[in-house]
Amino acid sequence: MSTAITNIILVQPRCGPINSGDSSKLKSLKPTSVLLYSCRKSSFRGGFASITMAEMVKTSAFRTSRDGDEDIRVMDVEHEALPLINGSTRSLSAGIESTLNRLSKWLVSGLFGALIIGRHDIEALWILMGSILNAMLSIALKRILNQERPVSTLRSDPGMPSSHAQSIFFIFSFAIISIVEWMGLNEVSLMISGIALASAIYLTWLRVSQKLHTIPQVVVGAAVGSTFFTLWFLSWNALVMEAFDSSLWVQIIVYLGAAGLCLGFLLYVIRNWFKDER
């Protein structure tokens, strides 16, 4: 037979050789055709070798073109699996982003606490007071501007400006200033500061990807947080530091103010942050 048959053939002897009519039928088979021969005798008539058991021959599907040439069709399994792999990857990425967004306030607060403890100076205490006042400013601005979030069903409170972005950029601005103070202005400090800035941008962008804020809301929050830190930091160096060193009353006011703000912020965290986790 001139045409190479590469389909799956299950053989159990019963009948004679394939005639020309059968050969023409084979050429017309579609790619998914399967030939089954059920035979009862132990050999083919016409001198074919005897076959005593069913044999499975692995083959590929075929089809015949107009000029009689055969084309082999190969199923691309990897191509069919790509949508499933891409879907799983997107689902995993979305899960990671959601988790990071939920933990971002704890991560940033932990970083800020480590900076305060690491510095353990009066300037760090002044910055701690500023961070709490910055958070209070964000709440006040939200009530004044009263702009809805992109998806109001996720959070019902106003979204302008983003309090996360405002606090993140306040704290990371302090981190960058601390890095430059400790290491000086060099390539290493610039690289670490760049990583810190990129981290702040990414954590802020998560608020947009999770549909909790619009881009303008996080941009305004980042701008307000950075500006408030700059003004608060400059006020220490220009006004408060000299008065703190020379006046006992200023020291008492600063320490009592820091204690009161920290206590108030702790109560706010207990009432709101843990409620959001439930």
Foldseek 3Di string as FASTA:
>chain_A
DPDDDFAKEWDDAAEADDDPVVVVVSQQDFQVDHYYYHHHDQAHPPDGDGDHHIDTGHGFGWHADPVGDIDTDDDDPVVVCVVVVVVVVVVVVVVVLVVCLLCVVVVLVVVLVVVCVVVVDVLSLLLLLLLLVQLVVQVVVQVVVVDPFQDCVVPVGGPAAPSLLLSLLLSLVVVLVVLCVVPNDDDVSVVVNVVSVVVSVSSLVSCVVVRVHPPVNSVRSNVSNNVSNVVSSVCCVPPLVVCCVVDPVSVVCSVVSSVVSVVVVVVVCVVPSVVVVD
